[in-house]
């Protein structure tokens, strides 16, 4: 699901102003499936991987993204997911991302990012807020939420959007929340380069993971 393309290849100089809403759904409708949601594209995945490297460049999203269904879903202000060899570059998100309630029934990894939920981001920035409501989780898998990327890599990017998560349960699961990235795909020193966030994140009893350098607004200006 994307404001410009659901399943994209190379996308350049596109802008979305429309709001995207994911309505509530019975998890059985999406069992063993993923949902990809982004202001510009849902999923960016080349068939031949290294031979066909796709890039999303110079795109902006101003439309808000709202969902009260979050089981096996990847959400990003620009895109839901890219694969290892694709990248999002020189993009900007101002749209707010809101997940009213969090339901998790299976063993899939869920991600949320100001730019991309799952993937690789360069030279981009986010000022849109990320707000996630109450958790209701039935398994012990992980969740990754980042100001730029939920899970993946990020270089030369920054996040100025607020991040707030209401975690009130005591279930056995791990939620990783980062001002820049929720979790680096490999080594944090190589996957997080010259990237910053304006402030810390807030959220209940979350396992807090502030990957990325925290700076003041004057330092970022």
N, C-alpha and C. Protein backbone atom coordinates (compact mmCIF):
# COMPACT_ATOMS: atom_id res chain seq x y z
N UNK A 1 0.85 -1.18 0.00
CA UNK A 1 0.00 0.00 0.00
C UNK A 1 0.90 1.24 0.00
N UNK A 2 0.79 2.06 -1.03
CA UNK A 2 1.62 3.26 -1.11
C UNK A 2 0.86 4.43 -1.69
N UNK A 3 1.25 5.64 -1.27
CA UNK A 3 0.60 6.83 -1.80
C UNK A 3 0.85 7.02 -3.28
N UNK A 4 2.00 6.53 -3.79
CA UNK A 4 2.34 6.61 -5.21
C UNK A 4 2.33 5.23 -5.86
N UNK A 5 2.98 4.26 -5.25
CA UNK A 5 3.06 2.91 -5.82
C UNK A 5 2.98 1.87 -4.71
N UNK A 6 2.24 0.81 -4.96
CA UNK A 6 2.16 -0.27 -3.98
C UNK A 6 3.44 -1.10 -4.00
N UNK A 7 3.86 -1.51 -5.20
CA UNK A 7 5.09 -2.29 -5.38
C UNK A 7 5.95 -1.53 -6.37
N UNK A 8 7.04 -0.91 -5.90
CA UNK A 8 7.79 -0.01 -6.74
C UNK A 8 9.11 -0.56 -7.23
N UNK A 9 9.66 0.13 -8.24
CA UNK A 9 11.02 -0.12 -8.72
C UNK A 9 11.82 1.17 -8.50
N UNK A 10 12.18 1.89 -9.55
CA UNK A 10 12.85 3.17 -9.39
C UNK A 10 11.80 4.28 -9.36
N UNK A 11 11.83 5.09 -8.29
CA UNK A 11 10.86 6.17 -8.13
C UNK A 11 11.64 7.45 -7.83
N UNK A 12 11.35 8.52 -8.59
CA UNK A 12 12.09 9.77 -8.43
C UNK A 12 11.13 10.96 -8.48
N UNK A 13 11.41 11.96 -7.63
CA UNK A 13 10.69 13.24 -7.66
C UNK A 13 9.18 13.08 -7.55
N UNK A 14 8.76 12.31 -6.55
CA UNK A 14 7.33 12.13 -6.32
C UNK A 14 6.95 12.67 -4.94
N UNK A 15 5.71 13.18 -4.84
CA UNK A 15 5.23 13.75 -3.59
C UNK A 15 3.83 13.24 -3.31
N UNK A 16 3.58 12.87 -2.07
CA UNK A 16 2.25 12.43 -1.66
C UNK A 16 1.71 13.36 -0.59
N UNK A 17 0.46 13.81 -0.78
CA UNK A 17 -0.21 14.64 0.21
C UNK A 17 -1.41 13.94 0.83
N UNK A 18 -1.73 12.76 0.33
CA UNK A 18 -2.95 12.08 0.76
C UNK A 18 -2.74 11.26 2.03
N UNK A 19 -3.77 11.21 2.84
CA UNK A 19 -3.77 10.41 4.06
C UNK A 19 -3.99 8.94 3.73
N UNK A 20 -3.27 8.06 4.42
CA UNK A 20 -3.43 6.62 4.23
C UNK A 20 -3.96 6.03 5.54
N UNK A 21 -5.04 5.26 5.45
CA UNK A 21 -5.65 4.67 6.64
C UNK A 21 -5.76 3.16 6.46
N UNK A 22 -5.23 2.41 7.43
CA UNK A 22 -5.36 0.96 7.45
C UNK A 22 -6.41 0.61 8.48
N UNK A 23 -7.55 0.11 8.02
CA UNK A 23 -8.64 -0.20 8.93
C UNK A 23 -8.38 -1.48 9.71
N UNK A 24 -9.12 -1.64 10.80
CA UNK A 24 -9.01 -2.84 11.63
C UNK A 24 -9.35 -4.06 10.80
N UNK A 25 -8.68 -5.18 11.12
CA UNK A 25 -8.91 -6.41 10.37
C UNK A 25 -8.70 -7.61 11.27
N UNK A 26 -9.40 -8.68 10.97
CA UNK A 26 -9.20 -9.94 11.67
C UNK A 26 -7.85 -10.50 11.27
N UNK A 27 -7.01 -10.85 12.23
CA UNK A 27 -5.67 -11.32 11.92
C UNK A 27 -5.68 -12.57 11.06
N UNK A 28 -6.74 -13.35 11.10
CA UNK A 28 -6.81 -14.56 10.30
C UNK A 28 -6.83 -14.24 8.80
N UNK A 29 -7.27 -13.03 8.44
CA UNK A 29 -7.28 -12.63 7.05
C UNK A 29 -5.88 -12.47 6.50
N UNK A 30 -4.91 -12.22 7.39
CA UNK A 30 -3.55 -11.94 6.96
C UNK A 30 -2.54 -12.92 7.56
N UNK A 31 -3.00 -14.08 7.97
CA UNK A 31 -2.12 -15.06 8.58
C UNK A 31 -1.04 -15.47 7.58
N UNK A 32 0.22 -15.50 8.06
CA UNK A 32 1.37 -15.86 7.23
C UNK A 32 1.61 -14.87 6.09
N UNK A 33 1.16 -13.64 6.26
CA UNK A 33 1.36 -12.61 5.25
C UNK A 33 1.91 -11.35 5.91
N UNK A 34 2.58 -10.54 5.09
CA UNK A 34 3.02 -9.23 5.55
C UNK A 34 2.18 -8.15 4.87
N UNK A 35 2.11 -6.99 5.51
CA UNK A 35 1.49 -5.81 4.91
C UNK A 35 2.55 -4.71 4.89
N UNK A 36 2.74 -4.07 3.73
CA UNK A 36 3.74 -3.02 3.57
C UNK A 36 3.03 -1.70 3.27
N UNK A 37 3.35 -0.67 4.06
CA UNK A 37 2.64 0.61 3.93
C UNK A 37 3.64 1.76 3.94
N UNK A 38 3.51 2.66 2.97
CA UNK A 38 4.38 3.83 2.93
C UNK A 38 3.72 5.00 2.23
N UNK A 39 4.14 6.20 2.57
CA UNK A 39 3.60 7.40 1.95
C UNK A 39 3.87 7.45 0.46
N UNK A 40 5.00 6.88 0.01
CA UNK A 40 5.34 6.84 -1.42
C UNK A 40 5.16 5.44 -1.99
N UNK A 41 5.75 4.44 -1.36
CA UNK A 41 5.64 3.06 -1.85
C UNK A 41 5.42 2.09 -0.70
N UNK A 42 4.82 0.94 -1.05
CA UNK A 42 4.64 -0.10 -0.05
C UNK A 42 5.88 -0.96 0.09
N UNK A 43 6.34 -1.53 -1.04
CA UNK A 43 7.50 -2.42 -1.03
C UNK A 43 8.36 -2.16 -2.25
N UNK A 44 9.67 -2.13 -2.05
CA UNK A 44 10.65 -1.94 -3.12
C UNK A 44 11.56 -3.15 -3.12
N UNK A 45 11.39 -4.04 -4.09
CA UNK A 45 12.16 -5.28 -4.08
C UNK A 45 12.48 -5.72 -5.50
N UNK A 46 13.77 -5.79 -5.82
CA UNK A 46 14.20 -6.25 -7.13
C UNK A 46 14.23 -7.76 -7.17
N UNK A 47 13.98 -8.32 -8.34
CA UNK A 47 13.93 -9.77 -8.50
C UNK A 47 15.33 -10.36 -8.50
N UNK A 48 16.27 -9.70 -9.21
CA UNK A 48 17.63 -10.22 -9.33
C UNK A 48 18.60 -9.61 -8.33
N UNK A 49 18.07 -8.92 -7.35
CA UNK A 49 18.83 -8.37 -6.25
C UNK A 49 19.99 -7.50 -6.74
N UNK A 50 21.23 -7.99 -6.72
CA UNK A 50 22.39 -7.16 -7.04
C UNK A 50 22.35 -6.66 -8.48
N UNK A 51 21.81 -7.42 -9.40
CA UNK A 51 21.77 -7.01 -10.80
C UNK A 51 20.76 -5.89 -11.03
N UNK A 52 19.69 -5.88 -10.28
CA UNK A 52 18.64 -4.87 -10.42
C UNK A 52 18.50 -4.10 -9.12
N UNK A 53 19.32 -3.09 -8.95
CA UNK A 53 19.27 -2.29 -7.74
C UNK A 53 18.31 -1.12 -7.96
N UNK A 54 17.24 -1.08 -7.17
CA UNK A 54 16.25 -0.03 -7.29
C UNK A 54 16.48 1.05 -6.24
N UNK A 55 16.14 2.27 -6.60
CA UNK A 55 16.36 3.41 -5.70
C UNK A 55 15.14 4.33 -5.73
N UNK A 56 14.77 4.81 -4.57
CA UNK A 56 13.75 5.86 -4.44
C UNK A 56 14.48 7.13 -4.04
N UNK A 57 14.41 8.17 -4.86
CA UNK A 57 15.17 9.40 -4.60
C UNK A 57 14.28 10.64 -4.72
N UNK A 58 14.62 11.64 -3.93
CA UNK A 58 14.00 12.96 -3.97
C UNK A 58 12.48 12.90 -3.90
N UNK A 59 11.99 12.11 -2.97
CA UNK A 59 10.55 12.00 -2.77
C UNK A 59 10.18 12.56 -1.40
N UNK A 60 8.95 13.05 -1.30
CA UNK A 60 8.49 13.63 -0.04
C UNK A 60 7.07 13.16 0.27
N UNK A 61 6.81 12.96 1.54
CA UNK A 61 5.47 12.59 1.98
C UNK A 61 4.97 13.58 3.02
N UNK A 62 3.76 14.11 2.78
CA UNK A 62 3.12 15.01 3.74
C UNK A 62 1.84 14.40 4.29
N UNK A 63 1.44 13.27 3.77
CA UNK A 63 0.21 12.64 4.22
C UNK A 63 0.40 11.81 5.46
N UNK A 64 -0.56 11.91 6.37
CA UNK A 64 -0.49 11.10 7.60
C UNK A 64 -0.82 9.64 7.29
N UNK A 65 -0.26 8.75 8.10
CA UNK A 65 -0.54 7.32 7.99
C UNK A 65 -1.13 6.85 9.31
N UNK A 66 -2.32 6.25 9.24
CA UNK A 66 -2.99 5.79 10.46
C UNK A 66 -3.35 4.31 10.33
N UNK A 67 -3.17 3.58 11.43
CA UNK A 67 -3.51 2.16 11.42
C UNK A 67 -3.87 1.72 12.84
N UNK A 68 -4.87 0.85 12.94
CA UNK A 68 -5.12 0.19 14.22
C UNK A 68 -4.98 -1.32 14.06
N UNK A 69 -4.22 -1.67 13.02
CA UNK A 69 -3.88 -3.08 12.80
C UNK A 69 -2.38 -3.16 12.59
N UNK A 70 -1.70 -4.01 13.36
CA UNK A 70 -0.24 -3.98 13.34
C UNK A 70 0.33 -5.38 13.51
N UNK A 71 -0.22 -6.35 12.78
CA UNK A 71 0.25 -7.73 12.90
C UNK A 71 0.93 -8.12 11.59
N UNK A 72 2.26 -8.24 11.60
CA UNK A 72 2.98 -8.55 10.38
C UNK A 72 3.02 -7.39 9.42
N UNK A 73 3.20 -6.17 9.91
CA UNK A 73 3.14 -4.99 9.06
C UNK A 73 4.43 -4.18 9.17
N UNK A 74 4.82 -3.58 8.04
CA UNK A 74 5.96 -2.67 7.99
C UNK A 74 5.45 -1.31 7.52
N UNK A 75 5.69 -0.26 8.33
CA UNK A 75 5.17 1.08 8.02
C UNK A 75 6.32 2.08 7.99
N UNK A 76 6.33 2.94 6.96
CA UNK A 76 7.31 4.01 6.90
C UNK A 76 6.73 5.25 6.26
N UNK A 77 7.24 6.41 6.64
CA UNK A 77 6.74 7.65 6.06
C UNK A 77 6.92 7.70 4.55
N UNK A 78 8.02 7.12 4.05
CA UNK A 78 8.26 7.02 2.61
C UNK A 78 7.92 5.64 2.09
N UNK A 79 8.40 4.58 2.75
CA UNK A 79 8.13 3.23 2.27
C UNK A 79 8.06 2.21 3.38
N UNK A 80 7.37 1.10 3.10
CA UNK A 80 7.25 0.04 4.09
C UNK A 80 8.50 -0.80 4.20
N UNK A 81 9.02 -1.29 3.05
CA UNK A 81 10.19 -2.16 3.08
C UNK A 81 10.96 -2.11 1.77
N UNK A 82 12.30 -2.16 1.88
CA UNK A 82 13.18 -2.40 0.73
C UNK A 82 13.98 -3.66 1.03
N UNK A 83 14.54 -4.29 -0.01
CA UNK A 83 15.42 -5.41 0.29
C UNK A 83 16.85 -4.93 0.45
N UNK A 84 17.78 -5.85 0.65
CA UNK A 84 19.15 -5.51 1.05
C UNK A 84 19.85 -4.60 0.05
N UNK A 85 19.62 -4.79 -1.24
CA UNK A 85 20.39 -4.08 -2.25
C UNK A 85 19.71 -2.80 -2.75
N UNK A 86 18.53 -2.52 -2.28
CA UNK A 86 17.83 -1.31 -2.69
C UNK A 86 17.96 -0.24 -1.62
N UNK A 87 17.67 1.02 -1.98
CA UNK A 87 17.84 2.08 -1.01
C UNK A 87 16.89 3.25 -1.26
N UNK A 88 16.67 3.99 -0.18
CA UNK A 88 15.89 5.23 -0.23
C UNK A 88 16.86 6.37 0.05
N UNK A 89 16.90 7.35 -0.85
CA UNK A 89 17.92 8.39 -0.78
C UNK A 89 17.31 9.77 -1.01
N UNK A 90 17.78 10.75 -0.20
CA UNK A 90 17.37 12.15 -0.36
C UNK A 90 15.86 12.30 -0.31
N UNK A 91 15.24 11.68 0.70
CA UNK A 91 13.79 11.76 0.85
C UNK A 91 13.43 12.43 2.18
N UNK A 92 12.18 12.86 2.27
CA UNK A 92 11.74 13.67 3.40
C UNK A 92 10.33 13.27 3.78
N UNK A 93 10.08 13.13 5.08
CA UNK A 93 8.73 12.83 5.56
C UNK A 93 8.29 13.83 6.61
N UNK A 94 7.10 14.38 6.40
CA UNK A 94 6.48 15.26 7.37
C UNK A 94 5.19 14.66 7.93
N UNK A 95 4.71 13.60 7.31
CA UNK A 95 3.46 12.98 7.73
C UNK A 95 3.58 12.28 9.08
N UNK A 96 2.52 12.36 9.85
CA UNK A 96 2.49 11.69 11.15
C UNK A 96 2.11 10.23 10.99
N UNK A 97 2.77 9.35 11.75
CA UNK A 97 2.45 7.93 11.74
C UNK A 97 1.81 7.58 13.07
N UNK A 98 0.60 7.06 13.01
CA UNK A 98 -0.14 6.73 14.24
C UNK A 98 -0.68 5.32 14.14
N UNK A 99 -0.33 4.50 15.12
CA UNK A 99 -0.92 3.17 15.26
C UNK A 99 -1.76 3.21 16.52
N UNK A 100 -3.07 3.19 16.37
CA UNK A 100 -3.97 3.41 17.51
C UNK A 100 -3.78 2.34 18.58
N UNK A 101 -3.73 1.08 18.16
CA UNK A 101 -3.51 -0.03 19.09
C UNK A 101 -2.63 -1.05 18.40
N UNK A 102 -1.92 -1.81 19.21
CA UNK A 102 -0.94 -2.75 18.69
C UNK A 102 -1.39 -4.16 19.00
N UNK A 103 -1.71 -4.94 17.96
CA UNK A 103 -2.10 -6.33 18.13
C UNK A 103 -1.06 -7.22 17.46
N UNK A 104 -0.56 -8.22 18.16
CA UNK A 104 0.47 -9.08 17.60
C UNK A 104 0.13 -10.52 17.92
N UNK A 105 -0.13 -11.32 16.88
CA UNK A 105 -0.59 -12.68 17.06
C UNK A 105 0.41 -13.73 16.61
N UNK A 106 1.36 -13.35 15.76
CA UNK A 106 2.24 -14.37 15.17
C UNK A 106 3.69 -14.10 15.49
N UNK A 107 4.60 -14.77 14.75
CA UNK A 107 6.02 -14.66 15.02
C UNK A 107 6.74 -13.77 14.01
N UNK A 108 6.03 -12.88 13.37
CA UNK A 108 6.65 -11.99 12.41
C UNK A 108 7.28 -10.79 13.12
N UNK A 109 8.27 -10.20 12.46
CA UNK A 109 8.87 -8.97 12.95
C UNK A 109 8.10 -7.79 12.38
N UNK A 110 7.70 -6.87 13.24
CA UNK A 110 7.04 -5.66 12.78
C UNK A 110 8.00 -4.48 12.92
N UNK A 111 7.92 -3.54 11.97
CA UNK A 111 8.81 -2.38 11.99
C UNK A 111 8.04 -1.11 11.67
N UNK A 112 8.50 -0.01 12.26
CA UNK A 112 7.97 1.32 11.95
C UNK A 112 9.16 2.27 11.86
N UNK A 113 9.20 3.10 10.81
CA UNK A 113 10.27 4.08 10.68
C UNK A 113 9.75 5.38 10.09
N UNK A 114 10.33 6.49 10.50
CA UNK A 114 9.92 7.79 9.97
C UNK A 114 10.10 7.87 8.46
N UNK A 115 11.12 7.18 7.93
CA UNK A 115 11.34 7.12 6.48
C UNK A 115 10.97 5.74 5.94
N UNK A 116 11.56 4.68 6.49
CA UNK A 116 11.30 3.32 6.03
C UNK A 116 11.16 2.40 7.25
N UNK A 117 10.19 1.50 7.18
CA UNK A 117 10.06 0.54 8.26
C UNK A 117 11.23 -0.43 8.29
N UNK A 118 11.54 -1.03 7.13
CA UNK A 118 12.59 -2.04 7.02
C UNK A 118 13.38 -1.73 5.76
N UNK A 119 14.69 -1.39 5.91
CA UNK A 119 15.47 -1.12 4.71
C UNK A 119 16.66 -0.21 4.95
N UNK A 120 17.13 0.39 3.85
CA UNK A 120 18.34 1.20 3.86
C UNK A 120 18.03 2.63 3.45
N UNK A 121 18.50 3.60 4.24
CA UNK A 121 18.18 5.01 4.01
C UNK A 121 19.45 5.84 4.01
N UNK A 122 19.56 6.77 3.05
CA UNK A 122 20.69 7.69 2.96
C UNK A 122 20.16 9.12 2.77
N UNK A 123 20.87 10.08 3.34
CA UNK A 123 20.66 11.51 3.06
C UNK A 123 19.19 11.93 3.17
N UNK A 124 18.52 11.50 4.21
CA UNK A 124 17.09 11.78 4.36
C UNK A 124 16.79 12.32 5.74
N UNK A 125 15.60 12.89 5.89
CA UNK A 125 15.23 13.36 7.23
C UNK A 125 13.73 13.25 7.46
N UNK A 126 13.39 13.14 8.73
CA UNK A 126 11.99 13.00 9.15
C UNK A 126 11.66 14.02 10.22
N UNK A 127 10.50 14.69 10.07
CA UNK A 127 10.02 15.55 11.14
C UNK A 127 8.63 15.12 11.61
N UNK A 128 8.09 14.07 11.00
CA UNK A 128 6.78 13.58 11.39
C UNK A 128 6.84 12.76 12.67
N UNK A 129 5.83 12.90 13.49
CA UNK A 129 5.80 12.17 14.76
C UNK A 129 5.41 10.71 14.54
N UNK A 130 5.82 9.86 15.48
CA UNK A 130 5.43 8.45 15.50
C UNK A 130 4.76 8.19 16.84
N UNK A 131 3.50 7.77 16.80
CA UNK A 131 2.74 7.53 18.02
C UNK A 131 2.09 6.15 17.95
N UNK A 132 2.34 5.33 18.95
CA UNK A 132 1.78 3.98 18.98
C UNK A 132 1.05 3.78 20.30
N UNK A 133 -0.17 3.25 20.20
CA UNK A 133 -1.02 3.11 21.38
C UNK A 133 -0.74 1.86 22.19
N UNK A 134 -1.79 1.30 22.79
CA UNK A 134 -1.63 0.18 23.72
C UNK A 134 -1.18 -1.09 23.00
N UNK A 135 -0.37 -1.87 23.71
CA UNK A 135 0.11 -3.14 23.19
C UNK A 135 -0.79 -4.28 23.65
N UNK A 136 -0.99 -5.23 22.73
CA UNK A 136 -1.66 -6.47 23.08
C UNK A 136 -0.97 -7.58 22.28
N UNK A 137 0.03 -8.23 22.88
CA UNK A 137 0.91 -9.15 22.16
C UNK A 137 0.76 -10.56 22.71
N UNK A 138 0.68 -11.53 21.79
CA UNK A 138 0.43 -12.91 22.18
C UNK A 138 1.62 -13.83 21.92
N UNK A 139 2.70 -13.32 21.39
CA UNK A 139 3.91 -14.10 21.17
C UNK A 139 5.11 -13.32 21.65
N UNK A 140 6.30 -13.94 21.53
CA UNK A 140 7.50 -13.35 22.11
C UNK A 140 8.51 -12.89 21.07
N UNK A 141 8.03 -12.36 19.94
CA UNK A 141 8.91 -11.89 18.89
C UNK A 141 9.30 -10.43 19.16
N UNK A 142 10.09 -9.84 18.23
CA UNK A 142 10.60 -8.50 18.43
C UNK A 142 9.88 -7.48 17.57
N UNK A 143 9.93 -6.23 18.03
CA UNK A 143 9.36 -5.09 17.31
C UNK A 143 10.42 -4.00 17.27
N UNK A 144 10.61 -3.39 16.09
CA UNK A 144 11.64 -2.37 15.91
C UNK A 144 11.02 -1.07 15.42
N UNK A 145 11.29 0.01 16.14
CA UNK A 145 10.70 1.31 15.82
C UNK A 145 11.79 2.37 15.85
N UNK A 146 11.98 3.10 14.74
CA UNK A 146 13.04 4.10 14.68
C UNK A 146 12.57 5.40 14.04
N UNK A 147 13.21 6.48 14.43
CA UNK A 147 12.86 7.79 13.87
C UNK A 147 13.11 7.88 12.38
N UNK A 148 14.11 7.14 11.88
CA UNK A 148 14.39 7.07 10.45
C UNK A 148 14.06 5.68 9.90
N UNK A 149 14.63 4.64 10.52
CA UNK A 149 14.45 3.27 10.07
C UNK A 149 14.11 2.38 11.25
N UNK A 150 13.14 1.49 11.06
CA UNK A 150 12.85 0.53 12.12
C UNK A 150 13.93 -0.53 12.23
N UNK A 151 14.25 -1.16 11.09
CA UNK A 151 15.27 -2.21 11.04
C UNK A 151 16.02 -2.08 9.73
N UNK A 152 17.37 -1.95 9.80
CA UNK A 152 18.14 -1.83 8.57
C UNK A 152 19.40 -1.01 8.77
N UNK A 153 19.63 -0.04 7.87
CA UNK A 153 20.82 0.82 7.96
C UNK A 153 20.44 2.25 7.62
N UNK A 154 21.22 3.19 8.14
CA UNK A 154 20.94 4.60 7.89
C UNK A 154 22.24 5.39 7.86
N UNK A 155 22.37 6.29 6.88
CA UNK A 155 23.57 7.11 6.75
C UNK A 155 23.18 8.55 6.43
N UNK A 156 23.88 9.47 7.07
CA UNK A 156 23.73 10.90 6.80
C UNK A 156 22.27 11.35 6.83
N UNK A 157 21.58 11.00 7.90
CA UNK A 157 20.15 11.32 8.02
C UNK A 157 19.85 11.80 9.42
N UNK A 158 18.71 12.45 9.58
CA UNK A 158 18.35 12.89 10.93
C UNK A 158 16.84 12.88 11.13
N UNK A 159 16.48 12.75 12.41
CA UNK A 159 15.08 12.72 12.82
C UNK A 159 14.80 13.82 13.82
N UNK A 160 13.77 14.63 13.54
CA UNK A 160 13.34 15.66 14.47
C UNK A 160 11.92 15.40 14.95
N UNK A 161 11.33 14.29 14.55
CA UNK A 161 9.97 13.98 14.96
C UNK A 161 9.90 13.35 16.33
N UNK A 162 8.85 13.64 17.05
CA UNK A 162 8.67 13.06 18.38
C UNK A 162 8.26 11.60 18.25
N UNK A 163 8.57 10.81 19.27
CA UNK A 163 8.23 9.39 19.28
C UNK A 163 7.65 9.03 20.63
N UNK A 164 6.45 8.48 20.62
CA UNK A 164 5.76 8.16 21.86
C UNK A 164 5.06 6.82 21.73
N UNK A 165 5.31 5.93 22.70
CA UNK A 165 4.70 4.60 22.68
C UNK A 165 4.15 4.29 24.05
N UNK A 166 2.91 3.84 24.08
CA UNK A 166 2.26 3.49 25.34
C UNK A 166 2.38 1.98 25.56
N UNK A 167 3.32 1.59 26.41
CA UNK A 167 3.57 0.16 26.68
C UNK A 167 3.12 -0.13 28.10
N UNK A 168 1.98 -0.80 28.24
CA UNK A 168 1.41 -1.03 29.57
C UNK A 168 1.32 -2.50 29.94
N UNK A 169 1.74 -3.40 29.04
CA UNK A 169 1.61 -4.83 29.31
C UNK A 169 2.88 -5.38 29.95
N UNK A 170 2.81 -6.61 30.41
CA UNK A 170 3.96 -7.27 31.03
C UNK A 170 4.28 -8.58 30.32
N UNK A 171 3.97 -8.66 29.03
CA UNK A 171 4.23 -9.88 28.27
C UNK A 171 5.71 -10.03 27.95
N UNK A 172 6.10 -11.26 27.54
CA UNK A 172 7.49 -11.56 27.25
C UNK A 172 7.79 -11.25 25.78
N UNK A 173 8.17 -10.00 25.51
CA UNK A 173 8.53 -9.62 24.16
C UNK A 173 9.53 -8.48 24.23
N UNK A 174 10.22 -8.22 23.12
CA UNK A 174 11.21 -7.16 23.07
C UNK A 174 10.77 -6.09 22.08
N UNK A 175 10.74 -4.85 22.55
CA UNK A 175 10.44 -3.71 21.69
C UNK A 175 11.64 -2.79 21.71
N UNK A 176 12.21 -2.54 20.54
CA UNK A 176 13.40 -1.70 20.44
C UNK A 176 13.02 -0.37 19.81
N UNK A 177 13.26 0.70 20.54
CA UNK A 177 12.86 2.04 20.14
C UNK A 177 14.09 2.91 20.04
N UNK A 178 14.34 3.50 18.86
CA UNK A 178 15.51 4.34 18.68
C UNK A 178 15.18 5.66 18.03
N UNK A 179 15.85 6.72 18.46
CA UNK A 179 15.62 8.03 17.87
C UNK A 179 15.97 8.09 16.40
N UNK A 180 16.93 7.26 15.97
CA UNK A 180 17.30 7.17 14.56
C UNK A 180 16.90 5.82 13.98
N UNK A 181 17.24 4.73 14.66
CA UNK A 181 16.97 3.39 14.15
C UNK A 181 16.63 2.46 15.30
N UNK A 182 15.67 1.58 15.06
CA UNK A 182 15.30 0.63 16.10
C UNK A 182 16.34 -0.45 16.28
N UNK A 183 16.83 -1.00 15.16
CA UNK A 183 17.86 -2.04 15.21
C UNK A 183 18.66 -2.01 13.93
N UNK A 184 20.01 -2.03 14.06
CA UNK A 184 20.88 -2.10 12.88
C UNK A 184 20.90 -3.52 12.35
N UNK A 185 20.88 -3.65 11.02
CA UNK A 185 20.82 -4.98 10.41
C UNK A 185 22.05 -5.81 10.74
N UNK A 186 23.22 -5.18 10.78
CA UNK A 186 24.45 -5.89 11.13
C UNK A 186 25.16 -5.16 12.25
N UNK A 187 26.35 -4.68 12.01
CA UNK A 187 27.13 -3.96 13.01
C UNK A 187 26.66 -2.51 13.09
N UNK A 188 26.34 -2.05 14.29
CA UNK A 188 25.83 -0.69 14.45
C UNK A 188 26.82 0.36 13.98
N UNK A 189 28.12 0.12 14.14
CA UNK A 189 29.12 1.11 13.75
C UNK A 189 29.18 1.31 12.24
N UNK A 190 28.84 0.29 11.48
CA UNK A 190 28.88 0.41 10.03
C UNK A 190 27.51 0.70 9.43
N UNK A 191 26.45 0.38 10.16
CA UNK A 191 25.10 0.55 9.64
C UNK A 191 24.48 1.89 10.04
N UNK A 192 25.07 2.58 11.02
CA UNK A 192 24.56 3.88 11.46
C UNK A 192 25.69 4.89 11.34
N UNK A 193 25.66 5.72 10.29
CA UNK A 193 26.76 6.62 9.99
C UNK A 193 26.24 8.05 9.88
N UNK A 194 26.85 8.98 10.64
CA UNK A 194 26.52 10.41 10.55
C UNK A 194 25.03 10.67 10.59
N UNK A 195 24.36 10.07 11.55
CA UNK A 195 22.90 10.22 11.66
C UNK A 195 22.53 10.64 13.07
N UNK A 196 21.48 11.47 13.19
CA UNK A 196 21.20 12.14 14.45
C UNK A 196 19.70 12.19 14.72
N UNK A 197 19.38 12.40 15.99
CA UNK A 197 17.99 12.65 16.38
C UNK A 197 17.96 13.84 17.32
N UNK A 198 16.83 14.54 17.34
CA UNK A 198 16.72 15.76 18.12
C UNK A 198 16.61 15.47 19.61
N UNK A 199 15.87 14.44 19.97
CA UNK A 199 15.65 14.18 21.40
C UNK A 199 15.42 12.70 21.65
N UNK A 200 15.39 12.33 22.91
CA UNK A 200 15.13 10.94 23.27
C UNK A 200 13.68 10.58 22.99
N UNK A 201 13.40 9.29 23.02
CA UNK A 201 12.05 8.79 22.81
C UNK A 201 11.41 8.48 24.16
N UNK A 202 10.09 8.41 24.17
CA UNK A 202 9.40 8.09 25.40
C UNK A 202 8.52 6.87 25.20
N UNK A 203 8.45 6.02 26.23
CA UNK A 203 7.59 4.86 26.09
C UNK A 203 7.65 3.86 27.21
N UNK A 204 6.79 3.99 28.20
CA UNK A 204 6.54 2.98 29.21
C UNK A 204 7.75 2.21 29.69
N UNK A 205 7.64 0.86 29.63
CA UNK A 205 8.71 -0.01 30.10
C UNK A 205 9.48 -0.62 28.94
N UNK A 206 9.53 0.10 27.82
CA UNK A 206 10.20 -0.42 26.63
C UNK A 206 11.69 -0.65 26.87
N UNK A 207 12.26 -1.61 26.13
CA UNK A 207 13.70 -1.74 26.09
C UNK A 207 14.20 -0.61 25.20
N UNK A 208 14.71 0.43 25.83
CA UNK A 208 15.07 1.64 25.08
C UNK A 208 16.43 1.48 24.43
N UNK A 209 16.52 1.87 23.18
CA UNK A 209 17.73 1.69 22.39
C UNK A 209 17.91 2.94 21.54
N UNK A 210 18.64 3.90 22.04
CA UNK A 210 18.76 5.18 21.33
C UNK A 210 19.91 5.15 20.34
N UNK A 211 19.80 4.33 19.30
CA UNK A 211 20.84 4.25 18.29
C UNK A 211 20.83 5.51 17.44
N UNK A 212 21.97 6.17 17.40
CA UNK A 212 22.09 7.46 16.75
C UNK A 212 22.46 8.50 17.78
N UNK A 213 23.04 9.61 17.34
CA UNK A 213 23.53 10.62 18.25
C UNK A 213 22.45 11.66 18.54
N UNK A 214 22.19 11.91 19.82
CA UNK A 214 21.20 12.91 20.22
C UNK A 214 21.84 14.29 20.19
N UNK A 215 21.19 15.25 19.50
CA UNK A 215 21.67 16.61 19.45
C UNK A 215 20.55 17.58 19.75
N UNK A 216 20.92 18.82 20.04
CA UNK A 216 19.93 19.87 20.27
C UNK A 216 19.48 20.43 18.93
N UNK A 217 18.39 21.22 18.96
CA UNK A 217 17.88 21.82 17.73
C UNK A 217 18.90 22.76 17.09
N UNK A 218 19.67 23.49 17.90
CA UNK A 218 20.66 24.41 17.35
C UNK A 218 21.81 23.64 16.68
N UNK A 219 22.17 22.49 17.22
CA UNK A 219 23.21 21.68 16.60
C UNK A 219 22.75 21.11 15.26
N UNK A 220 21.47 20.81 15.16
CA UNK A 220 20.94 20.24 13.93
C UNK A 220 20.67 21.28 12.85
N UNK A 221 20.56 22.54 13.26
CA UNK A 221 20.20 23.60 12.29
C UNK A 221 21.37 23.96 11.40
